[in-house]
Amino acid sequence: MKVGRFDTQHGIYKFQLDEFETQFHAHPAHEIILARGGSFSLSTLEKTWSNLKFAFIARNVMHLVEAVDCQSELMM
């Protein structure tokens, strides 16, 4: 993981990852995921989306992400 920006004064966090998988979780910030190579899957408690290149996740929404063989950027 490469930290692109971590600004606690303005609440901006940007990370670059080669691949990652998470368990169900939620956080108090909106999240943007952008695939830079490959695609990822996103699941909420209600639905799953596959082969995504971009996602906007609202704050406090339970979700999990599977980004295997995918370079991506996360911004919160």
Protein backbone atom coordinates (compact mmCIF):
# COMPACT_ATOMS: atom_id res chain seq x y z
CA MET A 1 0.00 0.00 0.00
CA LYS A 2 1.25 3.44 -0.91
CA VAL A 3 -0.15 6.42 0.98
CA GLY A 4 -0.71 9.20 -1.56
CA ARG A 5 -2.12 11.76 0.86
CA PHE A 6 -3.03 11.63 4.52
CA ASP A 7 -4.19 15.08 5.65
CA THR A 8 -5.83 14.97 9.07
CA GLN A 9 -6.41 18.75 9.01
CA HIS A 10 -8.69 18.48 5.98
CA GLY A 11 -9.87 14.88 6.32
CA ILE A 12 -8.47 13.66 2.99
CA TYR A 13 -7.00 10.18 2.73
CA LYS A 14 -5.70 8.65 -0.51
CA PHE A 15 -4.16 5.18 -0.81
CA GLN A 16 -2.85 3.12 -3.73
CA LEU A 17 -3.06 -0.68 -3.51
CA ASP A 18 -2.05 -3.50 -5.81
CA GLU A 19 -4.84 -5.76 -4.56
CA PHE A 20 -6.91 -6.18 -1.41
CA GLU A 21 -9.85 -8.01 0.13
CA THR A 22 -11.87 -6.80 3.11
CA GLN A 23 -14.48 -8.19 5.45
CA PHE A 24 -17.80 -6.37 5.92
CA HIS A 25 -17.13 -2.99 7.52
CA ALA A 26 -18.32 0.62 7.50
CA HIS A 27 -16.66 3.93 8.24
CA PRO A 28 -17.84 7.50 8.91
CA ALA A 29 -16.39 8.91 5.65
CA HIS A 30 -17.55 8.58 2.05
CA GLU A 31 -15.22 6.35 0.03
CA ILE A 32 -14.26 6.42 -3.64
CA ILE A 33 -12.58 3.41 -5.24
CA LEU A 34 -11.01 3.73 -8.69
CA ALA A 35 -9.52 0.74 -10.54
CA ARG A 36 -6.30 1.71 -12.31
CA GLY A 37 -5.81 -1.77 -13.74
CA GLY A 38 -8.28 -4.64 -13.62
CA SER A 39 -11.62 -4.48 -11.84
CA PHE A 40 -13.08 -5.19 -8.41
CA SER A 41 -16.24 -6.49 -6.75
CA LEU A 42 -18.26 -4.60 -4.16
CA SER A 43 -20.89 -6.09 -1.87
CA THR A 44 -23.31 -4.45 0.52
CA LEU A 45 -25.69 -6.34 2.79
CA GLU A 46 -28.29 -6.17 -0.02
CA LYS A 47 -26.40 -6.58 -3.31
CA THR A 48 -23.13 -7.49 -5.06
CA TRP A 49 -21.61 -5.77 -8.11
CA SER A 50 -18.78 -7.31 -10.14
CA ASN A 51 -16.27 -6.05 -12.72
CA LEU A 52 -16.36 -2.49 -11.39
CA LYS A 53 -13.92 0.24 -12.42
CA PHE A 54 -15.33 2.91 -10.07
CA ALA A 55 -17.48 3.03 -6.94
CA PHE A 56 -18.72 5.69 -4.55
CA ILE A 57 -19.67 4.29 -1.13
CA ALA A 58 -21.72 6.45 1.19
CA ARG A 59 -20.64 6.84 4.79
CA ASN A 60 -21.75 4.25 7.34
CA VAL A 61 -22.76 1.71 4.64
CA MET A 62 -21.69 -1.86 5.44
CA HIS A 63 -19.63 -3.18 2.53
CA LEU A 64 -16.81 -5.47 1.49
CA VAL A 65 -14.43 -5.17 -1.45
CA GLU A 66 -12.53 -7.84 -3.38
CA ALA A 67 -9.84 -6.41 -5.67
CA VAL A 68 -7.74 -9.35 -6.84
CA ASP A 69 -5.29 -8.63 -9.70
CA CYS A 70 -6.42 -5.01 -9.56
CA GLN A 71 -4.41 -1.88 -8.95
CA SER A 72 -6.67 0.68 -7.31
CA GLU A 73 -6.88 4.00 -5.54
CA LEU A 74 -9.01 4.62 -2.48
CA MET A 75 -9.99 8.10 -1.36
CA MET A 76 -11.92 9.04 1.75
